[in-house]
C-alpha cells in the first residue's frame, strides 16, 4: 500500500486516513487500489475492534480526481475501463472502495469534514456510522460532470434516505451541509470535531464483546429487500455509455472552463 493511505492501530482501533491532502484526498486509480489494499490489511489485522476513516488536511474527500475527467474526454480513463467486470466479489474496484467498509467484520466510523463530494460522499456511505462537522459541504455531484453515482451510491443511499430526497439531490447535484445530511439520513450526527468524536466512539465500541459486535454487523448487513448484485451491475451498465459521450465531455469542459454547458439533445 502506498502513502495515499495511513493506518495506525491502538487498542484495537484502526485510525485510517486518506493521505492525499494536497489533492483534498481525491480519488484516482492509485487511491482506489490503496483503499482495496487497506481493506485486505485491516481484515487480516489481529485484535481489530473498530475502524475510524477520515481524510488528512482540509477535506474528507473531494471525489474523483480531475485528471480522470481529463482522461475521460480522450477515452483514456483507467477508472472507466472494465466497469462491468466484478473484480472484488459483487463489486468493481471503485464500488469496492465504498463497499469494502461494509464488508469489514468490525464497525467503521467515518469522520467527515471539509467536503465530501461525489465519490467522497459515496465513500462515507460505506461506513456504519458517519459523524460530520456541521459546516461540511456534501454533494451527490456526478450529474454535474455528466455521470451517475456508481461507487455503490445507488445501493447505499436507499438504505438511509427517502426516494424523492435521493432523486432531488442527485438530479440537482446541489451542495448541502453536514446538518442537512443528518436530516436527510445520510449522517448519523454532527460534531465540531468529528475525528475526536469518532475515535472516542470507536474506543467505546472496542470495549464491547468483539463477538457480539461482529455478529451485530453481520445482521445489519443482511438486507432481503434489495438485490445488491443487480444494483451494482445497473450502475456500471448506465455509467459505461456515459463516460466519454458528447454531453459528458461537454459537462467536463464547461466545468473546467467555468462557462455554462452547451448540451445536445439525446
C-alpha atoms as a PDB file:
ATOM      1  CA  UNK A   1       0.000   0.000   0.000  1.00  0.00           C
ATOM      2  CA  UNK A   2       1.442   3.383  -0.964  1.00  0.00           C
ATOM      3  CA  UNK A   3       1.480   6.587   1.089  1.00  0.00           C
ATOM      4  CA  UNK A   4      -2.042   7.558  -0.048  1.00  0.00           C
ATOM      5  CA  UNK A   5      -3.466   5.700   2.966  1.00  0.00           C
ATOM      6  CA  UNK A   6      -2.080   5.666   6.502  1.00  0.00           C
ATOM      7  CA  UNK A   7      -3.100   3.141   9.140  1.00  0.00           C
ATOM      8  CA  UNK A   8      -2.286   3.129  12.837  1.00  0.00           C
ATOM      9  CA  UNK A   9      -3.814   0.722  15.331  1.00  0.00           C
ATOM     10  CA  UNK A  10      -4.104   1.379  19.062  1.00  0.00           C
ATOM     11  CA  UNK A  11      -6.165  -0.651  21.474  1.00  0.00           C
ATOM     12  CA  UNK A  12      -7.929  -2.463  18.666  1.00  0.00           C
ATOM     13  CA  UNK A  13      -8.986   0.793  16.976  1.00  0.00           C
ATOM     14  CA  UNK A  14      -7.596   1.424  13.498  1.00  0.00           C
ATOM     15  CA  UNK A  15      -7.134   5.097  12.609  1.00  0.00           C
ATOM     16  CA  UNK A  16      -7.271   5.135   8.798  1.00  0.00           C
ATOM     17  CA  UNK A  17      -6.520   8.380   6.950  1.00  0.00           C
ATOM     18  CA  UNK A  18      -6.879   9.217   3.302  1.00  0.00           C
ATOM     19  CA  UNK A  19      -3.480  10.800   2.911  1.00  0.00           C
ATOM     20  CA  UNK A  20      -3.537  12.909  -0.229  1.00  0.00           C
ATOM     21  CA  UNK A  21      -4.121  16.271   1.381  1.00  0.00           C
ATOM     22  CA  UNK A  22      -2.682  18.325  -1.500  1.00  0.00           C
ATOM     23  CA  UNK A  23      -5.490  16.971  -3.723  1.00  0.00           C
ATOM     24  CA  UNK A  24      -8.177  17.069  -0.988  1.00  0.00           C
ATOM     25  CA  UNK A  25      -7.903  13.262  -0.967  1.00  0.00           C
ATOM     26  CA  UNK A  26      -9.316  12.980  -4.482  1.00  0.00           C
ATOM     27  CA  UNK A  27      -9.839   9.511  -5.909  1.00  0.00           C
ATOM     28  CA  UNK A  28      -7.760   8.136  -8.768  1.00  0.00           C
ATOM     29  CA  UNK A  29      -6.746   4.621  -9.756  1.00  0.00           C
ATOM     30  CA  UNK A  30      -3.913   4.570  -7.224  1.00  0.00           C
ATOM     31  CA  UNK A  31      -6.215   5.728  -4.441  1.00  0.00           C
ATOM     32  CA  UNK A  32      -8.804   3.073  -5.304  1.00  0.00           C
ATOM     33  CA  UNK A  33      -6.096   0.418  -5.251  1.00  0.00           C
ATOM     34  CA  UNK A  34      -4.726   1.745  -1.951  1.00  0.00           C
ATOM     35  CA  UNK A  35      -8.188   1.591  -0.367  1.00  0.00           C
ATOM     36  CA  UNK A  36      -8.626  -2.011  -1.514  1.00  0.00           C
ATOM     37  CA  UNK A  37      -5.211  -2.930  -0.126  1.00  0.00           C
ATOM     38  CA  UNK A  38      -6.099  -1.150   3.093  1.00  0.00           C
ATOM     39  CA  UNK A  39      -9.187  -3.337   3.378  1.00  0.00           C
ATOM     40  CA  UNK A  40      -7.149  -6.504   2.997  1.00  0.00           C
ATOM     41  CA  UNK A  41      -4.682  -5.299   5.628  1.00  0.00           C
ATOM     42  CA  UNK A  42      -7.440  -4.402   8.075  1.00  0.00           C
ATOM     43  CA  UNK A  43      -9.234  -7.718   7.543  1.00  0.00           C
ATOM     44  CA  UNK A  44      -6.008  -9.511   8.447  1.00  0.00           C
ATOM     45  CA  UNK A  45      -5.248  -7.334  11.484  1.00  0.00           C
ATOM     46  CA  UNK A  46      -5.447  -9.405  14.675  1.00  0.00           C
ATOM     47  CA  UNK A  47      -7.431  -7.899  17.514  1.00  0.00           C
ATOM     48  CA  UNK A  48      -9.207  -5.325  15.348  1.00  0.00           C
ATOM     49  CA  UNK A  49     -12.307  -3.971  17.087  1.00  0.00           C
ATOM     50  CA  UNK A  50     -13.297  -0.835  15.156  1.00  0.00           C
ATOM     51  CA  UNK A  51     -12.104   1.433  12.341  1.00  0.00           C
ATOM     52  CA  UNK A  52     -12.184   5.219  12.042  1.00  0.00           C
ATOM     53  CA  UNK A  53     -11.949   6.572   8.496  1.00  0.00           C
ATOM     54  CA  UNK A  54     -11.037  10.228   7.929  1.00  0.00           C
ATOM     55  CA  UNK A  55      -9.231  12.480   5.498  1.00  0.00           C
ATOM     56  CA  UNK A  56      -5.968  14.313   6.066  1.00  0.00           C
ATOM     57  CA  UNK A  57      -5.800  18.056   5.529  1.00  0.00           C
ATOM     58  CA  UNK A  58      -8.775  20.287   4.831  1.00  0.00           C
ATOM     59  CA  UNK A  59     -11.224  17.738   3.406  1.00  0.00           C
ATOM     60  CA  UNK A  60     -12.535  14.216   3.790  1.00  0.00           C
ATOM     61  CA  UNK A  61     -12.627  13.525   0.049  1.00  0.00           C
ATOM     62  CA  UNK A  62     -13.314  15.804  -2.919  1.00  0.00           C
ATOM     63  CA  UNK A  63     -14.417  12.943  -5.174  1.00  0.00           C
ATOM     64  CA  UNK A  64     -12.876  11.776  -8.417  1.00  0.00           C
ATOM     65  CA  UNK A  65      -9.553  13.370  -9.324  1.00  0.00           C
ATOM     66  CA  UNK A  66      -9.914  15.966 -12.060  1.00  0.00           C
ATOM     67  CA  UNK A  67      -7.154  14.284 -14.034  1.00  0.00           C
ATOM     68  CA  UNK A  68      -9.584  11.390 -14.539  1.00  0.00           C
ATOM     69  CA  UNK A  69     -12.112  13.768 -16.098  1.00  0.00           C
ATOM     70  CA  UNK A  70      -9.422  14.971 -18.489  1.00  0.00           C
ATOM     71  CA  UNK A  71      -8.712  11.351 -19.446  1.00  0.00           C
ATOM     72  CA  UNK A  72     -12.417  10.643 -19.942  1.00  0.00           C
ATOM     73  CA  UNK A  73     -12.687  13.286 -22.657  1.00  0.00           C
ATOM     74  CA  UNK A  74      -9.959  11.495 -24.583  1.00  0.00           C
ATOM     75  CA  UNK A  75     -11.144   7.979 -23.846  1.00  0.00           C
ATOM     76  CA  UNK A  76      -8.064   7.317 -21.689  1.00  0.00           C
ATOM     77  CA  UNK A  77      -9.608   6.918 -18.223  1.00  0.00           C
ATOM     78  CA  UNK A  78      -8.185   3.934 -16.344  1.00  0.00           C
ATOM     79  CA  UNK A  79     -11.019   4.155 -13.814  1.00  0.00           C
ATOM     80  CA  UNK A  80     -13.586   3.837 -16.627  1.00  0.00           C
ATOM     81  CA  UNK A  81     -12.125   0.627 -18.008  1.00  0.00           C
ATOM     82  CA  UNK A  82     -13.845  -2.647 -17.214  1.00  0.00           C
ATOM     83  CA  UNK A  83     -16.597  -1.223 -15.020  1.00  0.00           C
ATOM     84  CA  UNK A  84     -18.849  -4.211 -15.582  1.00  0.00           C
ATOM     85  CA  UNK A  85     -16.141  -6.678 -14.548  1.00  0.00           C
ATOM     86  CA  UNK A  86     -16.696  -7.885 -10.974  1.00  0.00           C
ATOM     87  CA  UNK A  87     -13.146  -7.741  -9.654  1.00  0.00           C
ATOM     88  CA  UNK A  88     -13.991  -7.686  -5.930  1.00  0.00           C
ATOM     89  CA  UNK A  89     -16.876 -10.031  -5.172  1.00  0.00           C
ATOM     90  CA  UNK A  90     -20.090  -8.284  -6.246  1.00  0.00           C
ATOM     91  CA  UNK A  91     -18.222  -5.045  -6.963  1.00  0.00           C
ATOM     92  CA  UNK A  92     -15.816  -3.470  -9.385  1.00  0.00           C
ATOM     93  CA  UNK A  93     -12.808  -1.621  -7.919  1.00  0.00           C
ATOM     94  CA  UNK A  94     -14.431   1.840  -7.465  1.00  0.00           C
ATOM     95  CA  UNK A  95     -17.548   0.270  -5.936  1.00  0.00           C
ATOM     96  CA  UNK A  96     -15.371  -1.768  -3.613  1.00  0.00           C
ATOM     97  CA  UNK A  97     -13.836   1.458  -2.264  1.00  0.00           C
ATOM     98  CA  UNK A  98     -17.222   2.092  -0.618  1.00  0.00           C
ATOM     99  CA  UNK A  99     -18.471  -1.484  -0.125  1.00  0.00           C
ATOM    100  CA  UNK A 100     -15.231  -2.639   1.477  1.00  0.00           C
ATOM    101  CA  UNK A 101     -16.074  -0.770   4.697  1.00  0.00           C
ATOM    102  CA  UNK A 102     -19.410  -2.609   4.828  1.00  0.00           C
ATOM    103  CA  UNK A 103     -17.662  -5.927   4.287  1.00  0.00           C
ATOM    104  CA  UNK A 104     -15.123  -5.469   7.080  1.00  0.00           C
ATOM    105  CA  UNK A 105     -16.273  -7.556  10.042  1.00  0.00           C
ATOM    106  CA  UNK A 106     -15.963  -4.668  12.533  1.00  0.00           C
ATOM    107  CA  UNK A 107     -17.787  -1.311  12.761  1.00  0.00           C
ATOM    108  CA  UNK A 108     -16.416   1.536  10.670  1.00  0.00           C
ATOM    109  CA  UNK A 109     -16.948   5.173  11.664  1.00  0.00           C
ATOM    110  CA  UNK A 110     -16.399   7.907   9.082  1.00  0.00           C
ATOM    111  CA  UNK A 111     -15.233  11.259  10.483  1.00  0.00           C
ATOM    112  CA  UNK A 112     -16.072  13.780   7.770  1.00  0.00           C
ATOM    113  CA  UNK A 113     -15.001  17.402   7.476  1.00  0.00           C
ATOM    114  CA  UNK A 114     -14.405  19.940   4.725  1.00  0.00           C
ATOM    115  CA  UNK A 115     -16.051  18.379   1.701  1.00  0.00           C
ATOM    116  CA  UNK A 116     -17.500  15.000   0.738  1.00  0.00           C
ATOM    117  CA  UNK A 117     -18.268  15.375  -2.938  1.00  0.00           C
ATOM    118  CA  UNK A 118     -19.320  12.693  -5.426  1.00  0.00           C
ATOM    119  CA  UNK A 119     -17.162   9.663  -4.795  1.00  0.00           C
ATOM    120  CA  UNK A 120     -16.253  11.081  -1.378  1.00  0.00           C
ATOM    121  CA  UNK A 121     -19.925  11.116  -0.433  1.00  0.00           C
ATOM    122  CA  UNK A 122     -20.319   7.512  -1.601  1.00  0.00           C
ATOM    123  CA  UNK A 123     -17.155   6.551   0.273  1.00  0.00           C
ATOM    124  CA  UNK A 124     -18.561   7.830   3.566  1.00  0.00           C
ATOM    125  CA  UNK A 125     -21.825   5.941   2.967  1.00  0.00           C
ATOM    126  CA  UNK A 126     -19.907   2.693   3.247  1.00  0.00           C
ATOM    127  CA  UNK A 127     -19.259   3.356   6.944  1.00  0.00           C
ATOM    128  CA  UNK A 128     -21.541   2.006   9.654  1.00  0.00           C
ATOM    129  CA  UNK A 129     -21.643   5.397  11.368  1.00  0.00           C
ATOM    130  CA  UNK A 130     -20.999   8.828   9.835  1.00  0.00           C
ATOM    131  CA  UNK A 131     -20.068  11.809  12.022  1.00  0.00           C
ATOM    132  CA  UNK A 132     -19.876  15.125  10.145  1.00  0.00           C
ATOM    133  CA  UNK A 133     -18.764  18.621  11.045  1.00  0.00           C
ATOM    134  CA  UNK A 134     -21.802  20.913  10.803  1.00  0.00           C
ATOM    135  CA  UNK A 135     -20.214  23.018   8.054  1.00  0.00           C
ATOM    136  CA  UNK A 136     -19.142  20.037   5.929  1.00  0.00           C
ATOM    137  CA  UNK A 137     -20.089  20.549   2.288  1.00  0.00           C
ATOM    138  CA  UNK A 138     -21.692  17.446   0.799  1.00  0.00           C
ATOM    139  CA  UNK A 139     -22.886  16.788  -2.741  1.00  0.00           C
ATOM    140  CA  UNK A 140     -24.036  13.917  -4.917  1.00  0.00           C
ATOM    141  CA  UNK A 141     -22.135  15.673  -7.667  1.00  0.00           C
ATOM    142  CA  UNK A 142     -21.959  13.161 -10.534  1.00  0.00           C
ATOM    143  CA  UNK A 143     -24.615  14.719 -12.784  1.00  0.00           C
ATOM    144  CA  UNK A 144     -22.631  17.968 -12.759  1.00  0.00           C
ATOM    145  CA  UNK A 145     -19.981  16.035 -14.669  1.00  0.00           C
ATOM    146  CA  UNK A 146     -22.438  14.194 -16.904  1.00  0.00           C
ATOM    147  CA  UNK A 147     -22.261  10.982 -14.873  1.00  0.00           C
ATOM    148  CA  UNK A 148     -24.286   8.993 -12.335  1.00  0.00           C
ATOM    149  CA  UNK A 149     -23.311   7.775  -8.849  1.00  0.00           C
ATOM    150  CA  UNK A 150     -21.663   4.409  -9.443  1.00  0.00           C
ATOM    151  CA  UNK A 151     -19.440   3.766  -6.423  1.00  0.00           C
ATOM    152  CA  UNK A 152     -22.248   1.751  -4.823  1.00  0.00           C
ATOM    153  CA  UNK A 153     -24.081   5.019  -4.187  1.00  0.00           C
ATOM    154  CA  UNK A 154     -27.348   3.765  -5.637  1.00  0.00           C
ATOM    155  CA  UNK A 155     -27.153   0.677  -3.451  1.00  0.00           C
ATOM    156  CA  UNK A 156     -26.213   2.543  -0.270  1.00  0.00           C
ATOM    157  CA  UNK A 157     -28.226   5.771  -0.485  1.00  0.00           C
ATOM    158  CA  UNK A 158     -31.536   3.941  -0.401  1.00  0.00           C
ATOM    159  CA  UNK A 159     -30.620   2.471   2.970  1.00  0.00           C
ATOM    160  CA  UNK A 160     -30.700   5.949   4.527  1.00  0.00           C
ATOM    161  CA  UNK A 161     -32.910   8.422   2.660  1.00  0.00           C
ATOM    162  CA  UNK A 162     -36.328   8.733   1.055  1.00  0.00           C
ATOM    163  CA  UNK A 163     -36.555   8.086  -2.655  1.00  0.00           C
ATOM    164  CA  UNK A 164     -37.620  11.648  -3.522  1.00  0.00           C
ATOM    165  CA  UNK A 165     -34.765  13.108  -1.465  1.00  0.00           C
ATOM    166  CA  UNK A 166     -32.224  10.927  -3.258  1.00  0.00           C
ATOM    167  CA  UNK A 167     -33.647  11.897  -6.632  1.00  0.00           C
ATOM    168  CA  UNK A 168     -33.705  15.623  -5.900  1.00  0.00           C
ATOM    169  CA  UNK A 169     -30.142  15.694  -4.603  1.00  0.00           C
ATOM    170  CA  UNK A 170     -28.850  13.502  -7.433  1.00  0.00           C
ATOM    171  CA  UNK A 171     -30.651  15.348 -10.235  1.00  0.00           C
ATOM    172  CA  UNK A 172     -29.653  18.793  -8.924  1.00  0.00           C
ATOM    173  CA  UNK A 173     -26.122  17.922  -7.742  1.00  0.00           C
ATOM    174  CA  UNK A 174     -26.576  20.728  -5.220  1.00  0.00           C
ATOM    175  CA  UNK A 175     -24.358  21.128  -2.182  1.00  0.00           C
ATOM    176  CA  UNK A 176     -25.810  20.626   1.294  1.00  0.00           C
ATOM    177  CA  UNK A 177     -24.375  20.900   4.798  1.00  0.00           C
ATOM    178  CA  UNK A 178     -23.495  18.349   7.431  1.00  0.00           C
ATOM    179  CA  UNK A 179     -26.534  19.481   9.414  1.00  0.00           C
ATOM    180  CA  UNK A 180     -28.774  18.856   6.390  1.00  0.00           C
ATOM    181  CA  UNK A 181     -27.104  15.479   5.848  1.00  0.00           C
ATOM    182  CA  UNK A 182     -28.332  14.388   9.286  1.00  0.00           C
ATOM    183  CA  UNK A 183     -31.855  15.453   8.370  1.00  0.00           C
ATOM    184  CA  UNK A 184     -31.718  13.549   5.099  1.00  0.00           C
ATOM    185  CA  UNK A 185     -30.471  10.425   6.873  1.00  0.00           C
ATOM    186  CA  UNK A 186     -27.003  10.357   5.296  1.00  0.00           C
ATOM    187  CA  UNK A 187     -25.177  11.337   8.502  1.00  0.00           C
ATOM    188  CA  UNK A 188     -25.539   9.841  11.963  1.00  0.00           C
ATOM    189  CA  UNK A 189     -24.811  13.058  13.837  1.00  0.00           C
ATOM    190  CA  UNK A 190     -22.732  16.213  13.739  1.00  0.00           C
ATOM    191  CA  UNK A 191     -19.756  17.165  15.909  1.00  0.00           C
ATOM    192  CA  UNK A 192     -17.451  20.158  15.966  1.00  0.00           C
ATOM    193  CA  UNK A 193     -14.501  17.743  15.964  1.00  0.00           C
ATOM    194  CA  UNK A 194     -15.685  14.668  14.035  1.00  0.00           C
ATOM    195  CA  UNK A 195     -12.375  12.827  14.296  1.00  0.00           C
ATOM    196  CA  UNK A 196     -12.132  13.149  18.077  1.00  0.00           C
ATOM    197  CA  UNK A 197     -15.774  12.107  18.404  1.00  0.00           C
ATOM    198  CA  UNK A 198     -15.274   9.132  16.079  1.00  0.00           C
ATOM    199  CA  UNK A 199     -12.155   7.919  17.881  1.00  0.00           C
ATOM    200  CA  UNK A 200     -13.900   8.194  21.251  1.00  0.00           C
ATOM    201  CA  UNK A 201     -16.869   6.228  19.941  1.00  0.00           C
ATOM    202  CA  UNK A 202     -14.584   3.621  18.369  1.00  0.00           C
ATOM    203  CA  UNK A 203     -12.795   3.162  21.670  1.00  0.00           C
ATOM    204  CA  UNK A 204     -16.177   2.663  23.328  1.00  0.00           C
ATOM    205  CA  UNK A 205     -17.085   0.018  20.732  1.00  0.00           C
ATOM    206  CA  UNK A 206     -13.693  -1.604  21.249  1.00  0.00           C
ATOM    207  CA  UNK A 207     -14.696  -2.155  24.842  1.00  0.00           C
ATOM    208  CA  UNK A 208     -17.682  -4.307  23.862  1.00  0.00           C
ATOM    209  CA  UNK A 209     -17.627  -8.008  23.114  1.00  0.00           C
ATOM    210  CA  UNK A 210     -15.972  -8.376  19.717  1.00  0.00           C
ATOM    211  CA  UNK A 211     -18.073 -11.457  19.004  1.00  0.00           C
ATOM    212  CA  UNK A 212     -21.299  -9.569  19.709  1.00  0.00           C
ATOM    213  CA  UNK A 213     -20.203  -6.545  17.690  1.00  0.00           C
ATOM    214  CA  UNK A 214     -19.239  -8.680  14.708  1.00  0.00           C
ATOM    215  CA  UNK A 215     -22.472 -10.636  14.945  1.00  0.00           C
ATOM    216  CA  UNK A 216     -24.440  -7.404  15.086  1.00  0.00           C
ATOM    217  CA  UNK A 217     -22.685  -6.093  11.997  1.00  0.00           C
ATOM    218  CA  UNK A 218     -23.418  -9.275  10.075  1.00  0.00           C
ATOM    219  CA  UNK A 219     -27.075  -8.916  10.997  1.00  0.00           C
ATOM    220  CA  UNK A 220     -27.207  -5.264   9.962  1.00  0.00           C
ATOM    221  CA  UNK A 221     -25.598  -6.163   6.639  1.00  0.00           C
ATOM    222  CA  UNK A 222     -28.412  -8.583   5.829  1.00  0.00           C
ATOM    223  CA  UNK A 223     -30.974  -6.932   3.567  1.00  0.00           C
ATOM    224  CA  UNK A 224     -33.504  -9.230   1.979  1.00  0.00           C
ATOM    225  CA  UNK A 225     -35.369  -6.457   0.159  1.00  0.00           C
ATOM    226  CA  UNK A 226     -32.603  -5.464  -2.245  1.00  0.00           C
ATOM    227  CA  UNK A 227     -30.802  -7.366  -4.977  1.00  0.00           C
ATOM    228  CA  UNK A 228     -27.411  -5.798  -4.352  1.00  0.00           C
ATOM    229  CA  UNK A 229     -25.695  -7.553  -7.243  1.00  0.00           C
ATOM    230  CA  UNK A 230     -28.185  -6.173  -9.758  1.00  0.00           C
ATOM    231  CA  UNK A 231     -27.988  -2.639  -8.343  1.00  0.00           C
ATOM    232  CA  UNK A 232     -24.198  -2.664  -8.619  1.00  0.00           C
ATOM    233  CA  UNK A 233     -24.359  -4.046 -12.164  1.00  0.00           C
ATOM    234  CA  UNK A 234     -27.008  -1.484 -13.144  1.00  0.00           C
ATOM    235  CA  UNK A 235     -24.714   1.345 -12.015  1.00  0.00           C
ATOM    236  CA  UNK A 236     -21.993   0.047 -14.300  1.00  0.00           C
ATOM    237  CA  UNK A 237     -24.330  -0.504 -17.253  1.00  0.00           C
ATOM    238  CA  UNK A 238     -25.503   3.109 -17.047  1.00  0.00           C
ATOM    239  CA  UNK A 239     -22.082   4.596 -16.373  1.00  0.00           C
ATOM    240  CA  UNK A 240     -20.197   2.898 -19.198  1.00  0.00           C
ATOM    241  CA  UNK A 241     -22.028   4.629 -22.088  1.00  0.00           C
ATOM    242  CA  UNK A 242     -21.930   7.983 -20.280  1.00  0.00           C
ATOM    243  CA  UNK A 243     -18.159   8.154 -19.960  1.00  0.00           C
ATOM    244  CA  UNK A 244     -16.700   9.927 -22.982  1.00  0.00           C
ATOM    245  CA  UNK A 245     -20.100  10.670 -24.518  1.00  0.00           C
ATOM    246  CA  UNK A 246     -20.588  14.149 -26.081  1.00  0.00           C
ATOM    247  CA  UNK A 247     -22.636  15.540 -23.217  1.00  0.00           C
ATOM    248  CA  UNK A 248     -20.312  14.112 -20.578  1.00  0.00           C
ATOM    249  CA  UNK A 249     -17.317  15.647 -22.339  1.00  0.00           C
ATOM    250  CA  UNK A 250     -19.200  18.933 -22.537  1.00  0.00           C
ATOM    251  CA  UNK A 251     -20.009  18.781 -18.814  1.00  0.00           C
ATOM    252  CA  UNK A 252     -16.326  18.320 -18.005  1.00  0.00           C
ATOM    253  CA  UNK A 253     -15.136  21.038 -20.360  1.00  0.00           C
ATOM    254  CA  UNK A 254     -17.751  23.527 -19.194  1.00  0.00           C
ATOM    255  CA  UNK A 255     -16.772  22.968 -15.590  1.00  0.00           C
ATOM    256  CA  UNK A 256     -13.062  23.262 -16.276  1.00  0.00           C
ATOM    257  CA  UNK A 257     -13.573  26.342 -18.477  1.00  0.00           C
ATOM    258  CA  UNK A 258     -16.001  27.884 -15.956  1.00  0.00           C
ATOM    259  CA  UNK A 259     -18.742  28.514 -18.511  1.00  0.00           C
ATOM    260  CA  UNK A 260     -22.333  27.382 -18.970  1.00  0.00           C
ATOM    261  CA  UNK A 261     -22.537  23.976 -20.663  1.00  0.00           C
ATOM    262  CA  UNK A 262     -23.970  23.590 -24.155  1.00  0.00           C
ATOM    263  CA  UNK A 263     -25.575  20.177 -24.244  1.00  0.00           C
ATOM    264  CA  UNK A 264     -27.106  18.420 -27.242  1.00  0.00           C
ATOM    265  CA  UNK A 265     -30.477  16.706 -27.068  1.00  0.00           C
ATOM    266  CA  UNK A 266     -30.242  12.924 -26.658  1.00  0.00           C
END
